[in-house]
Amino acid sequence: YYPPNMKHLFNSVSKEQEHYLAAGLTHDYFSRIRSADAVFIFNKGGYGGCSVSLELGFATALGKSIYSLEYDEEACRQVLIHKVCETPAALMAELA
């Protein structure tokens, strides 16, 4: 899954370039997770794909607190999420 604004990038490059683009995005997300105090998963509709699973594992390995917008029905991801915060206010209250 790629965000809607990123799909056009992957459709306009070769398979080799796609590999490097995906690697760059993955390492960028890892860098952002590494520097964060906590991680928020925007899983609207409860969706979490392969990349989210990878990022959750990375955040867990670093000891980060993980929050999500909605409940994730995938048990292996759900056990890594500390709390569901359905609004920005709920997330801010949790982080305060």
Protein backbone atom coordinates (compact mmCIF):
# COMPACT_ATOMS: atom_id res chain seq x y z
CA TYR A 1 0.00 0.00 0.00
CA TYR A 2 1.23 3.45 -0.87
CA PRO A 3 -0.50 6.68 0.11
CA PRO A 4 -2.59 8.10 -2.76
CA ASN A 5 -0.14 10.94 -3.35
CA MET A 6 2.73 8.43 -3.72
CA LYS A 7 1.11 5.98 -6.15
CA HIS A 8 1.96 8.11 -9.16
CA LEU A 9 5.65 7.99 -8.25
CA PHE A 10 5.70 4.20 -8.27
CA ASN A 11 3.73 4.04 -11.52
CA SER A 12 6.21 6.30 -13.29
CA VAL A 13 9.49 4.53 -12.46
CA SER A 14 11.22 1.30 -13.46
CA LYS A 15 11.24 -1.74 -11.17
CA GLU A 16 14.83 -0.99 -10.18
CA GLN A 17 13.97 2.61 -9.35
CA GLU A 18 10.90 1.41 -7.44
CA HIS A 19 13.20 -0.73 -5.28
CA TYR A 20 15.35 2.27 -4.36
CA LEU A 21 12.33 4.51 -3.81
CA ALA A 22 10.76 1.95 -1.44
CA ALA A 23 14.10 1.52 0.38
CA GLY A 24 14.43 5.26 0.81
CA LEU A 25 10.90 5.61 2.17
CA THR A 26 11.38 2.69 4.57
CA HIS A 27 14.62 4.10 5.95
CA ASP A 28 13.05 7.56 6.19
CA TYR A 29 10.21 6.14 8.29
CA PHE A 30 12.74 4.30 10.46
CA SER A 31 14.64 7.53 11.02
CA ARG A 32 11.44 9.33 12.00
CA ILE A 33 10.48 6.51 14.39
CA ARG A 34 13.96 6.51 15.91
CA SER A 35 13.74 10.24 16.70
CA ALA A 36 10.13 10.14 18.01
CA ASP A 37 9.06 9.91 21.63
CA ALA A 38 5.97 7.92 20.61
CA VAL A 39 4.47 6.52 17.40
CA PHE A 40 0.93 7.08 16.12
CA ILE A 41 -0.43 4.69 13.51
CA PHE A 42 -3.09 6.32 11.32
CA ASN A 43 -5.00 3.14 10.52
CA LYS A 44 -8.29 4.56 9.29
CA GLY A 45 -10.75 1.74 8.75
CA GLY A 46 -8.52 -0.50 10.89
CA TYR A 47 -6.17 -1.10 7.95
CA GLY A 48 -2.54 -1.92 8.57
CA GLY A 49 -0.42 -3.51 5.88
CA CYS A 50 3.06 -4.98 5.63
CA SER A 51 4.81 -1.63 6.05
CA VAL A 52 2.82 -0.85 9.20
CA SER A 53 3.74 -4.24 10.64
CA LEU A 54 7.41 -3.58 9.91
CA GLU A 55 7.25 -0.09 11.44
CA LEU A 56 5.44 -1.39 14.54
CA GLY A 57 8.13 -4.01 15.03
CA PHE A 58 10.87 -1.41 14.65
CA ALA A 59 9.17 0.96 17.10
CA THR A 60 8.67 -1.88 19.58
CA ALA A 61 12.34 -2.89 19.33
CA LEU A 62 13.27 0.71 20.18
CA GLY A 63 10.91 0.73 23.18
CA LYS A 64 8.58 3.38 21.73
CA SER A 65 5.00 3.79 22.94
CA ILE A 66 2.61 3.06 20.08
CA TYR A 67 -0.88 4.46 19.63
CA SER A 68 -3.38 3.96 16.83
CA LEU A 69 -6.44 5.71 15.47
CA GLU A 70 -8.57 2.56 15.42
CA TYR A 71 -8.49 -0.97 16.76
CA ASP A 72 -6.44 -3.31 14.57
CA GLU A 73 -7.99 -6.75 14.15
CA GLU A 74 -4.64 -8.36 13.32
CA ALA A 75 -3.58 -9.84 16.66
CA CYS A 76 0.16 -9.59 15.97
CA ARG A 77 -0.13 -5.84 15.39
CA GLN A 78 -2.72 -5.22 18.11
CA VAL A 79 -0.51 -6.60 20.87
CA LEU A 80 2.12 -3.96 19.99
CA ILE A 81 -0.31 -1.03 20.21
CA HIS A 82 -0.47 0.49 23.69
CA LYS A 83 -3.74 2.34 23.24
CA VAL A 84 -6.32 3.37 20.64
CA CYS A 85 -6.82 7.15 20.52
CA GLU A 86 -9.69 8.01 18.19
CA THR A 87 -9.23 11.78 18.31
CA PRO A 88 -6.28 14.18 18.41
CA ALA A 89 -7.49 15.33 21.83
CA ALA A 90 -7.43 11.75 23.16
CA LEU A 91 -3.89 11.28 21.84
CA MET A 92 -2.71 14.56 23.38
CA ALA A 93 -4.29 13.67 26.72
CA GLU A 94 -2.53 10.31 26.64
CA LEU A 95 0.81 11.90 25.86
CA ALA A 96 0.49 14.64 28.52
